[in-house]
PDB file of N, CA and C in Angstrom:
ATOM      1  N   MET A   1       0.858  -1.177   0.000  1.00  0.00           N
ATOM      2  CA  MET A   1       0.000   0.000   0.000  1.00  0.00           C
ATOM      3  C   MET A   1       0.904   1.240   0.000  1.00  0.00           C
ATOM      4  N   SER A   2       0.612   2.168  -0.883  1.00  0.00           N
ATOM      5  CA  SER A   2       1.415   3.386  -0.969  1.00  0.00           C
ATOM      6  C   SER A   2       1.180   4.270   0.254  1.00  0.00           C
ATOM      7  N   LEU A   3       2.057   5.204   0.443  1.00  0.00           N
ATOM      8  CA  LEU A   3       1.923   6.149   1.549  1.00  0.00           C
ATOM      9  C   LEU A   3       0.633   6.950   1.407  1.00  0.00           C
ATOM     10  N   ALA A   4       0.317   7.384   0.199  1.00  0.00           N
ATOM     11  CA  ALA A   4      -0.920   8.131  -0.045  1.00  0.00           C
ATOM     12  C   ALA A   4      -2.141   7.282   0.303  1.00  0.00           C
ATOM     13  N   GLU A   5      -2.123   6.010  -0.053  1.00  0.00           N
ATOM     14  CA  GLU A   5      -3.236   5.116   0.274  1.00  0.00           C
ATOM     15  C   GLU A   5      -3.376   4.937   1.785  1.00  0.00           C
ATOM     16  N   ARG A   6      -2.266   4.839   2.472  1.00  0.00           N
ATOM     17  CA  ARG A   6      -2.311   4.724   3.936  1.00  0.00           C
ATOM     18  C   ARG A   6      -2.905   5.982   4.559  1.00  0.00           C
ATOM     19  N   ILE A   7      -2.514   7.149   4.051  1.00  0.00           N
ATOM     20  CA  ILE A   7      -3.049   8.421   4.558  1.00  0.00           C
ATOM     21  C   ILE A   7      -4.557   8.459   4.345  1.00  0.00           C
ATOM     22  N   ARG A   8      -4.989   8.163   3.140  1.00  0.00           N
ATOM     23  CA  ARG A   8      -6.433   8.166   2.835  1.00  0.00           C
ATOM     24  C   ARG A   8      -7.194   7.193   3.735  1.00  0.00           C
ATOM     25  N   SER A   9      -6.664   6.012   3.883  1.00  0.00           N
ATOM     26  CA  SER A   9      -7.323   4.977   4.681  1.00  0.00           C
ATOM     27  C   SER A   9      -7.463   5.401   6.145  1.00  0.00           C
ATOM     28  N   ASN A  10      -6.393   5.884   6.728  1.00  0.00           N
ATOM     29  CA  ASN A  10      -6.426   6.296   8.141  1.00  0.00           C
ATOM     30  C   ASN A  10      -7.404   7.442   8.370  1.00  0.00           C
ATOM     31  N   LEU A  11      -7.370   8.437   7.508  1.00  0.00           N
ATOM     32  CA  LEU A  11      -8.255   9.583   7.677  1.00  0.00           C
ATOM     33  C   LEU A  11      -9.713   9.192   7.425  1.00  0.00           C
ATOM     34  N   SER A  12      -9.951   8.362   6.442  1.00  0.00           N
ATOM     35  CA  SER A  12     -11.322   7.933   6.137  1.00  0.00           C
ATOM     36  C   SER A  12     -11.907   7.143   7.296  1.00  0.00           C
ATOM     37  N   ARG A  13     -11.126   6.236   7.829  1.00  0.00           N
ATOM     38  CA  ARG A  13     -11.582   5.396   8.936  1.00  0.00           C
ATOM     39  C   ARG A  13     -11.877   6.231  10.185  1.00  0.00           C
ATOM     40  N   ALA A  14     -11.013   7.157  10.509  1.00  0.00           N
ATOM     41  CA  ALA A  14     -11.141   7.919  11.753  1.00  0.00           C
ATOM     42  C   ALA A  14     -12.142   9.064  11.673  1.00  0.00           C
ATOM     43  N   LEU A  15     -12.210   9.741  10.523  1.00  0.00           N
ATOM     44  CA  LEU A  15     -13.000  10.979  10.435  1.00  0.00           C
ATOM     45  C   LEU A  15     -14.260  10.861   9.572  1.00  0.00           C
ATOM     46  N   GLN A  16     -14.376   9.800   8.808  1.00  0.00           N
ATOM     47  CA  GLN A  16     -15.517   9.601   7.912  1.00  0.00           C
ATOM     48  C   GLN A  16     -15.846  10.887   7.132  1.00  0.00           C
ATOM     49  N   PRO A  17     -14.871  11.390   6.391  1.00  0.00           N
ATOM     50  CA  PRO A  17     -15.064  12.669   5.694  1.00  0.00           C
ATOM     51  C   PRO A  17     -16.050  12.582   4.538  1.00  0.00           C
ATOM     52  N   GLN A  18     -16.700  13.713   4.284  1.00  0.00           N
ATOM     53  CA  GLN A  18     -17.545  13.843   3.098  1.00  0.00           C
ATOM     54  C   GLN A  18     -16.669  14.047   1.864  1.00  0.00           C
ATOM     55  N   ILE A  19     -15.566  14.744   2.064  1.00  0.00           N
ATOM     56  CA  ILE A  19     -14.604  14.998   0.992  1.00  0.00           C
ATOM     57  C   ILE A  19     -13.210  14.724   1.538  1.00  0.00           C
ATOM     58  N   LEU A  20     -12.416  13.990   0.777  1.00  0.00           N
ATOM     59  CA  LEU A  20     -11.015  13.767   1.117  1.00  0.00           C
ATOM     60  C   LEU A  20     -10.253  13.809  -0.195  1.00  0.00           C
ATOM     61  N   GLU A  21      -9.527  14.889  -0.384  1.00  0.00           N
ATOM     62  CA  GLU A  21      -8.709  15.042  -1.584  1.00  0.00           C
ATOM     63  C   GLU A  21      -7.258  15.129  -1.155  1.00  0.00           C
ATOM     64  N   LEU A  22      -6.461  14.192  -1.620  1.00  0.00           N
ATOM     65  CA  LEU A  22      -5.044  14.161  -1.283  1.00  0.00           C
ATOM     66  C   LEU A  22      -4.257  14.224  -2.582  1.00  0.00           C
ATOM     67  N   ILE A  23      -3.461  15.267  -2.726  1.00  0.00           N
ATOM     68  CA  ILE A  23      -2.671  15.466  -3.942  1.00  0.00           C
ATOM     69  C   ILE A  23      -1.202  15.277  -3.599  1.00  0.00           C
ATOM     70  N   ASP A  24      -0.554  14.392  -4.338  1.00  0.00           N
ATOM     71  CA  ASP A  24       0.874  14.146  -4.164  1.00  0.00           C
ATOM     72  C   ASP A  24       1.634  15.193  -4.977  1.00  0.00           C
ATOM     73  N   GLU A  25       2.293  16.111  -4.293  1.00  0.00           N
ATOM     74  CA  GLU A  25       3.054  17.176  -4.945  1.00  0.00           C
ATOM     75  C   GLU A  25       4.554  16.914  -4.903  1.00  0.00           C
ATOM     76  N   SER A  26       4.931  15.689  -4.637  1.00  0.00           N
ATOM     77  CA  SER A  26       6.348  15.339  -4.463  1.00  0.00           C
ATOM     78  C   SER A  26       7.203  15.696  -5.666  1.00  0.00           C
ATOM     79  N   ALA A  27       6.701  15.467  -6.849  1.00  0.00           N
ATOM     80  CA  ALA A  27       7.483  15.736  -8.062  1.00  0.00           C
ATOM     81  C   ALA A  27       7.858  17.203  -8.180  1.00  0.00           C
ATOM     82  N   MET A  28       7.025  18.078  -7.640  1.00  0.00           N
ATOM     83  CA  MET A  28       7.300  19.517  -7.704  1.00  0.00           C
ATOM     84  C   MET A  28       8.473  19.918  -6.809  1.00  0.00           C
ATOM     85  N   HIS A  29       8.879  19.027  -5.900  1.00  0.00           N
ATOM     86  CA  HIS A  29       9.929  19.348  -4.935  1.00  0.00           C
ATOM     87  C   HIS A  29      11.179  18.492  -5.115  1.00  0.00           C
ATOM     88  N   ALA A  30      11.227  17.710  -6.161  1.00  0.00           N
ATOM     89  CA  ALA A  30      12.320  16.758  -6.367  1.00  0.00           C
ATOM     90  C   ALA A  30      13.697  17.416  -6.389  1.00  0.00           C
ATOM     91  N   GLY A  31      13.806  18.624  -6.897  1.00  0.00           N
ATOM     92  CA  GLY A  31      15.110  19.273  -6.996  1.00  0.00           C
ATOM     93  C   GLY A  31      15.473  20.154  -5.821  1.00  0.00           C
ATOM     94  N   HIS A  32      14.613  20.260  -4.846  1.00  0.00           N
ATOM     95  CA  HIS A  32      14.892  21.125  -3.700  1.00  0.00           C
ATOM     96  C   HIS A  32      16.036  20.583  -2.858  1.00  0.00           C
ATOM     97  N   ALA A  33      16.720  21.475  -2.194  1.00  0.00           N
ATOM     98  CA  ALA A  33      17.911  21.109  -1.420  1.00  0.00           C
ATOM     99  C   ALA A  33      17.654  19.974  -0.431  1.00  0.00           C
ATOM    100  N   ALA A  34      16.544  20.010   0.252  1.00  0.00           N
ATOM    101  CA  ALA A  34      16.256  18.982   1.257  1.00  0.00           C
ATOM    102  C   ALA A  34      16.021  17.614   0.635  1.00  0.00           C
ATOM    103  N   MET A  35      15.726  17.580  -0.663  1.00  0.00           N
ATOM    104  CA  MET A  35      15.420  16.324  -1.338  1.00  0.00           C
ATOM    105  C   MET A  35      16.579  15.797  -2.178  1.00  0.00           C
ATOM    106  N   LYS A  36      17.637  16.586  -2.324  1.00  0.00           N
ATOM    107  CA  LYS A  36      18.773  16.178  -3.160  1.00  0.00           C
ATOM    108  C   LYS A  36      19.403  14.897  -2.613  1.00  0.00           C
ATOM    109  N   GLY A  37      19.674  13.995  -3.535  1.00  0.00           N
ATOM    110  CA  GLY A  37      20.327  12.749  -3.176  1.00  0.00           C
ATOM    111  C   GLY A  37      19.376  11.688  -2.642  1.00  0.00           C
ATOM    112  N   LEU A  38      18.116  12.027  -2.444  1.00  0.00           N
ATOM    113  CA  LEU A  38      17.152  11.050  -1.955  1.00  0.00           C
ATOM    114  C   LEU A  38      16.413  10.429  -3.128  1.00  0.00           C
ATOM    115  N   PRO A  39      16.027   9.168  -2.987  1.00  0.00           N
ATOM    116  CA  PRO A  39      15.265   8.549  -4.076  1.00  0.00           C
ATOM    117  C   PRO A  39      13.895   9.206  -4.209  1.00  0.00           C
ATOM    118  N   ALA A  40      13.355   9.180  -5.418  1.00  0.00           N
ATOM    119  CA  ALA A  40      12.021   9.744  -5.653  1.00  0.00           C
ATOM    120  C   ALA A  40      11.016   8.934  -4.840  1.00  0.00           C
ATOM    121  N   ARG A  41      10.208   9.628  -4.065  1.00  0.00           N
ATOM    122  CA  ARG A  41       9.188   8.966  -3.255  1.00  0.00           C
ATOM    123  C   ARG A  41       8.133   9.961  -2.833  1.00  0.00           C
ATOM    124  N   GLU A  42       7.136   9.492  -2.151  1.00  0.00           N
ATOM    125  CA  GLU A  42       6.044  10.335  -1.693  1.00  0.00           C
ATOM    126  C   GLU A  42       6.514  11.145  -0.480  1.00  0.00           C
ATOM    127  N   THR A  43       6.674  12.453  -0.670  1.00  0.00           N
ATOM    128  CA  THR A  43       7.210  13.293   0.406  1.00  0.00           C
ATOM    129  C   THR A  43       6.384  14.536   0.685  1.00  0.00           C
ATOM    130  N   HIS A  44       5.660  15.030  -0.307  1.00  0.00           N
ATOM    131  CA  HIS A  44       4.922  16.294  -0.183  1.00  0.00           C
ATOM    132  C   HIS A  44       3.469  16.087  -0.614  1.00  0.00           C
ATOM    133  N   PHE A  45       2.551  16.477   0.270  1.00  0.00           N
ATOM    134  CA  PHE A  45       1.131  16.287  -0.014  1.00  0.00           C
ATOM    135  C   PHE A  45       0.340  17.547   0.291  1.00  0.00           C
ATOM    136  N   ARG A  46      -0.770  17.696  -0.424  1.00  0.00           N
ATOM    137  CA  ARG A  46      -1.757  18.746  -0.158  1.00  0.00           C
ATOM    138  C   ARG A  46      -3.070  18.027   0.137  1.00  0.00           C
ATOM    139  N   LEU A  47      -3.635  18.290   1.318  1.00  0.00           N
ATOM    140  CA  LEU A  47      -4.843  17.614   1.780  1.00  0.00           C
ATOM    141  C   LEU A  47      -5.987  18.603   1.942  1.00  0.00           C
ATOM    142  N   THR A  48      -7.121  18.272   1.349  1.00  0.00           N
ATOM    143  CA  THR A  48      -8.374  18.977   1.617  1.00  0.00           C
ATOM    144  C   THR A  48      -9.319  17.929   2.176  1.00  0.00           C
ATOM    145  N   ILE A  49      -9.820  18.183   3.377  1.00  0.00           N
ATOM    146  CA  ILE A  49     -10.699  17.224   4.028  1.00  0.00           C
ATOM    147  C   ILE A  49     -11.881  17.963   4.645  1.00  0.00           C
ATOM    148  N   VAL A  50     -13.071  17.434   4.406  1.00  0.00           N
ATOM    149  CA  VAL A  50     -14.298  18.017   4.927  1.00  0.00           C
ATOM    150  C   VAL A  50     -14.984  16.946   5.757  1.00  0.00           C
ATOM    151  N   ALA A  51     -15.166  17.243   7.055  1.00  0.00           N
ATOM    152  CA  ALA A  51     -15.764  16.250   7.944  1.00  0.00           C
ATOM    153  C   ALA A  51     -16.537  16.936   9.062  1.00  0.00           C
ATOM    154  N   GLU A  52     -17.640  16.362   9.413  1.00  0.00           N
ATOM    155  CA  GLU A  52     -18.437  16.859  10.534  1.00  0.00           C
ATOM    156  C   GLU A  52     -17.647  16.750  11.835  1.00  0.00           C
ATOM    157  N   ALA A  53     -16.672  15.853  11.875  1.00  0.00           N
ATOM    158  CA  ALA A  53     -15.840  15.661  13.065  1.00  0.00           C
ATOM    159  C   ALA A  53     -15.099  16.933  13.470  1.00  0.00           C
ATOM    160  N   PHE A  54     -14.958  17.883  12.560  1.00  0.00           N
ATOM    161  CA  PHE A  54     -14.250  19.125  12.862  1.00  0.00           C
ATOM    162  C   PHE A  54     -15.140  20.194  13.490  1.00  0.00           C
ATOM    163  N   ALA A  55     -16.423  19.940  13.586  1.00  0.00           N
ATOM    164  CA  ALA A  55     -17.351  20.925  14.163  1.00  0.00           C
ATOM    165  C   ALA A  55     -16.927  21.277  15.582  1.00  0.00           C
ATOM    166  N   GLY A  56     -16.886  22.571  15.867  1.00  0.00           N
ATOM    167  CA  GLY A  56     -16.546  23.045  17.202  1.00  0.00           C
ATOM    168  C   GLY A  56     -15.068  23.032  17.530  1.00  0.00           C
ATOM    169  N   THR A  57     -14.227  22.800  16.527  1.00  0.00           N
ATOM    170  CA  THR A  57     -12.781  22.793  16.775  1.00  0.00           C
ATOM    171  C   THR A  57     -12.110  23.904  15.971  1.00  0.00           C
ATOM    172  N   SER A  58     -10.984  24.353  16.467  1.00  0.00           N
ATOM    173  CA  SER A  58     -10.229  25.403  15.782  1.00  0.00           C
ATOM    174  C   SER A  58      -9.376  24.792  14.674  1.00  0.00           C
ATOM    175  N   ARG A  59      -8.836  25.646  13.825  1.00  0.00           N
ATOM    176  CA  ARG A  59      -7.953  25.195  12.748  1.00  0.00           C
ATOM    177  C   ARG A  59      -6.754  24.437  13.315  1.00  0.00           C
ATOM    178  N   VAL A  60      -6.192  24.943  14.399  1.00  0.00           N
ATOM    179  CA  VAL A  60      -5.029  24.292  15.019  1.00  0.00           C
ATOM    180  C   VAL A  60      -5.414  22.925  15.588  1.00  0.00           C
ATOM    181  N   GLN A  61      -6.557  22.833  16.236  1.00  0.00           N
ATOM    182  CA  GLN A  61      -7.011  21.550  16.776  1.00  0.00           C
ATOM    183  C   GLN A  61      -7.221  20.521  15.664  1.00  0.00           C
ATOM    184  N   ARG A  62      -7.755  20.970  14.548  1.00  0.00           N
ATOM    185  CA  ARG A  62      -7.977  20.074  13.408  1.00  0.00           C
ATOM    186  C   ARG A  62      -6.648  19.552  12.876  1.00  0.00           C
ATOM    187  N   GLN A  63      -5.689  20.454  12.729  1.00  0.00           N
ATOM    188  CA  GLN A  63      -4.376  20.030  12.226  1.00  0.00           C
ATOM    189  C   GLN A  63      -3.699  19.077  13.202  1.00  0.00           C
ATOM    190  N   ARG A  64      -3.793  19.357  14.481  1.00  0.00           N
ATOM    191  CA  ARG A  64      -3.214  18.449  15.479  1.00  0.00           C
ATOM    192  C   ARG A  64      -3.859  17.080  15.428  1.00  0.00           C
ATOM    193  N   GLN A  65      -5.182  17.056  15.230  1.00  0.00           N
ATOM    194  CA  GLN A  65      -5.896  15.787  15.127  1.00  0.00           C
ATOM    195  C   GLN A  65      -5.395  14.997  13.919  1.00  0.00           C
ATOM    196  N   ILE A  66      -5.249  15.666  12.795  1.00  0.00           N
ATOM    197  CA  ILE A  66      -4.763  15.001  11.580  1.00  0.00           C
ATOM    198  C   ILE A  66      -3.328  14.518  11.775  1.00  0.00           C
ATOM    199  N   TYR A  67      -2.466  15.365  12.339  1.00  0.00           N
ATOM    200  CA  TYR A  67      -1.082  14.951  12.594  1.00  0.00           C
ATOM    201  C   TYR A  67      -1.034  13.734  13.507  1.00  0.00           C
ATOM    202  N   SER A  68      -1.890  13.699  14.504  1.00  0.00           N
ATOM    203  CA  SER A  68      -1.936  12.566  15.424  1.00  0.00           C
ATOM    204  C   SER A  68      -2.364  11.289  14.696  1.00  0.00           C
ATOM    205  N   LEU A  69      -3.378  11.402  13.866  1.00  0.00           N
ATOM    206  CA  LEU A  69      -3.865  10.250  13.106  1.00  0.00           C
ATOM    207  C   LEU A  69      -2.827   9.727  12.113  1.00  0.00           C
ATOM    208  N   LEU A  70      -1.967  10.620  11.642  1.00  0.00           N
ATOM    209  CA  LEU A  70      -0.983  10.257  10.620  1.00  0.00           C
ATOM    210  C   LEU A  70       0.442  10.183  11.159  1.00  0.00           C
ATOM    211  N   ALA A  71       0.594   9.991  12.453  1.00  0.00           N
ATOM    212  CA  ALA A  71       1.928   9.997  13.071  1.00  0.00           C
ATOM    213  C   ALA A  71       2.883   9.012  12.388  1.00  0.00           C
ATOM    214  N   ALA A  72       2.426   7.801  12.126  1.00  0.00           N
ATOM    215  CA  ALA A  72       3.295   6.799  11.497  1.00  0.00           C
ATOM    216  C   ALA A  72       3.676   7.204  10.078  1.00  0.00           C
ATOM    217  N   GLU A  73       2.719   7.751   9.335  1.00  0.00           N
ATOM    218  CA  GLU A  73       2.990   8.161   7.958  1.00  0.00           C
ATOM    219  C   GLU A  73       3.928   9.364   7.914  1.00  0.00           C
ATOM    220  N   LEU A  74       3.744  10.288   8.832  1.00  0.00           N
ATOM    221  CA  LEU A  74       4.624  11.455   8.888  1.00  0.00           C
ATOM    222  C   LEU A  74       6.050  11.038   9.248  1.00  0.00           C
ATOM    223  N   ALA A  75       6.178  10.040  10.091  1.00  0.00           N
ATOM    224  CA  ALA A  75       7.503   9.548  10.472  1.00  0.00           C
ATOM    225  C   ALA A  75       8.129   8.701   9.358  1.00  0.00           C
ATOM    226  N   ASP A  76       7.320   8.302   8.396  1.00  0.00           N
ATOM    227  CA  ASP A  76       7.775   7.422   7.326  1.00  0.00           C
ATOM    228  C   ASP A  76       8.205   8.185   6.082  1.00  0.00           C
ATOM    229  N   GLY A  77       8.572   9.447   6.231  1.00  0.00           N
ATOM    230  CA  GLY A  77       9.155  10.163   5.110  1.00  0.00           C
ATOM    231  C   GLY A  77       8.372  11.338   4.562  1.00  0.00           C
ATOM    232  N   VAL A  78       7.212  11.651   5.123  1.00  0.00           N
ATOM    233  CA  VAL A  78       6.487  12.824   4.652  1.00  0.00           C
ATOM    234  C   VAL A  78       7.252  14.058   5.096  1.00  0.00           C
ATOM    235  N   HIS A  79       7.627  14.874   4.138  1.00  0.00           N
ATOM    236  CA  HIS A  79       8.391  16.082   4.424  1.00  0.00           C
ATOM    237  C   HIS A  79       7.471  17.284   4.632  1.00  0.00           C
ATOM    238  N   ALA A  80       6.323  17.303   3.929  1.00  0.00           N
ATOM    239  CA  ALA A  80       5.388  18.428   4.038  1.00  0.00           C
ATOM    240  C   ALA A  80       3.965  17.947   3.804  1.00  0.00           C
ATOM    241  N   LEU A  81       3.056  18.497   4.610  1.00  0.00           N
ATOM    242  CA  LEU A  81       1.637  18.203   4.470  1.00  0.00           C
ATOM    243  C   LEU A  81       0.868  19.506   4.644  1.00  0.00           C
ATOM    244  N   ALA A  82       0.342  20.027   3.542  1.00  0.00           N
ATOM    245  CA  ALA A  82      -0.470  21.249   3.575  1.00  0.00           C
ATOM    246  C   ALA A  82      -1.916  20.814   3.801  1.00  0.00           C
ATOM    247  N   ILE A  83      -2.556  21.363   4.834  1.00  0.00           N
ATOM    248  CA  ILE A  83      -3.876  20.894   5.244  1.00  0.00           C
ATOM    249  C   ILE A  83      -4.923  22.000   5.141  1.00  0.00           C
ATOM    250  N   THR A  84      -6.041  21.670   4.502  1.00  0.00           N
ATOM    251  CA  THR A  84      -7.261  22.462   4.577  1.00  0.00           C
ATOM    252  C   THR A  84      -8.297  21.532   5.171  1.00  0.00           C
ATOM    253  N   ALA A  85      -8.727  21.803   6.399  1.00  0.00           N
ATOM    254  CA  ALA A  85      -9.682  20.953   7.112  1.00  0.00           C
ATOM    255  C   ALA A  85     -10.908  21.793   7.454  1.00  0.00           C
ATOM    256  N   LEU A  86     -12.053  21.382   6.932  1.00  0.00           N
ATOM    257  CA  LEU A  86     -13.277  22.170   7.061  1.00  0.00           C
ATOM    258  C   LEU A  86     -14.441  21.310   7.528  1.00  0.00           C
ATOM    259  N   THR A  87     -15.425  21.971   8.126  1.00  0.00           N
ATOM    260  CA  THR A  87     -16.712  21.321   8.377  1.00  0.00           C
ATOM    261  C   THR A  87     -17.503  21.387   7.073  1.00  0.00           C
ATOM    262  N   PRO A  88     -18.566  20.593   6.943  1.00  0.00           N
ATOM    263  CA  PRO A  88     -19.395  20.688   5.739  1.00  0.00           C
ATOM    264  C   PRO A  88     -19.961  22.096   5.522  1.00  0.00           C
ATOM    265  N   ALA A  89     -20.364  22.773   6.593  1.00  0.00           N
ATOM    266  CA  ALA A  89     -20.902  24.132   6.459  1.00  0.00           C
ATOM    267  C   ALA A  89     -19.833  25.095   5.950  1.00  0.00           C
ATOM    268  N   GLU A  90     -18.613  24.985   6.455  1.00  0.00           N
ATOM    269  CA  GLU A  90     -17.521  25.847   5.998  1.00  0.00           C
ATOM    270  C   GLU A  90     -17.187  25.578   4.531  1.00  0.00           C
ATOM    271  N   ALA A  91     -17.215  24.296   4.152  1.00  0.00           N
ATOM    272  CA  ALA A  91     -16.946  23.938   2.768  1.00  0.00           C
ATOM    273  C   ALA A  91     -18.006  24.518   1.842  1.00  0.00           C
ATOM    274  N   ALA A  92     -19.260  24.444   2.263  1.00  0.00           N
ATOM    275  CA  ALA A  92     -20.353  24.999   1.458  1.00  0.00           C
ATOM    276  C   ALA A  92     -20.187  26.493   1.274  1.00  0.00           C
ATOM    277  N   MET A  93     -19.766  27.200   2.329  1.00  0.00           N
ATOM    278  CA  MET A  93     -19.540  28.642   2.247  1.00  0.00           C
ATOM    279  C   MET A  93     -18.443  28.967   1.248  1.00  0.00           C
ATOM    280  N   ARG A  94     -17.470  28.074   1.102  1.00  0.00           N
ATOM    281  CA  ARG A  94     -16.360  28.285   0.161  1.00  0.00           C
ATOM    282  C   ARG A  94     -16.667  27.722  -1.228  1.00  0.00           C
ATOM    283  N   GLY A  95     -17.824  27.121  -1.369  1.00  0.00           N
ATOM    284  CA  GLY A  95     -18.186  26.542  -2.665  1.00  0.00           C
ATOM    285  C   GLY A  95     -17.509  25.226  -2.955  1.00  0.00           C
ATOM    286  N   ILE A  96     -17.077  24.527  -1.908  1.00  0.00           N
ATOM    287  CA  ILE A  96     -16.426  23.228  -2.073  1.00  0.00           C
ATOM    288  C   ILE A  96     -17.476  22.146  -1.872  1.00  0.00           C
ATOM    289  N   SER A  97     -17.590  21.272  -2.870  1.00  0.00           N
ATOM    290  CA  SER A  97     -18.529  20.165  -2.753  1.00  0.00           C
ATOM    291  C   SER A  97     -17.863  18.895  -3.256  1.00  0.00           C
ATOM    292  N   ALA A  98     -18.471  17.783  -2.969  1.00  0.00           N
ATOM    293  CA  ALA A  98     -17.910  16.493  -3.390  1.00  0.00           C
ATOM    294  C   ALA A  98     -17.763  16.405  -4.897  1.00  0.00           C
ATOM    295  N   SER A  99     -18.543  17.172  -5.626  1.00  0.00           N
ATOM    296  CA  SER A  99     -18.455  17.129  -7.090  1.00  0.00           C
ATOM    297  C   SER A  99     -17.519  18.191  -7.643  1.00  0.00           C
ATOM    298  N   SER A 100     -16.886  19.006  -6.763  1.00  0.00           N
ATOM    299  CA  SER A 100     -15.986  20.073  -7.236  1.00  0.00           C
ATOM    300  C   SER A 100     -14.717  19.501  -7.823  1.00  0.00           C
TER     301      SER A 100
END
């Protein structure tokens, strides 16, 4: 199972999101200094997740929750994870839907 698949699986199981979009941006960072000399692999991700589980929590609390859920994956070589974590109501206000 790829690192991206593990991330999706863990977040889906724990948060039951309405929307989970995970984009592997590793190729965009292949030449950066921190990545020089390392084999090509999954290192940089952009996550958009919409879940009712985030209701009543702050942006920082949501990110901490995600980091906690992904502790093993983050320790397994993820160099960067950009997170957008929203409630369904917040997503609707931004025009984000499952069909977007």
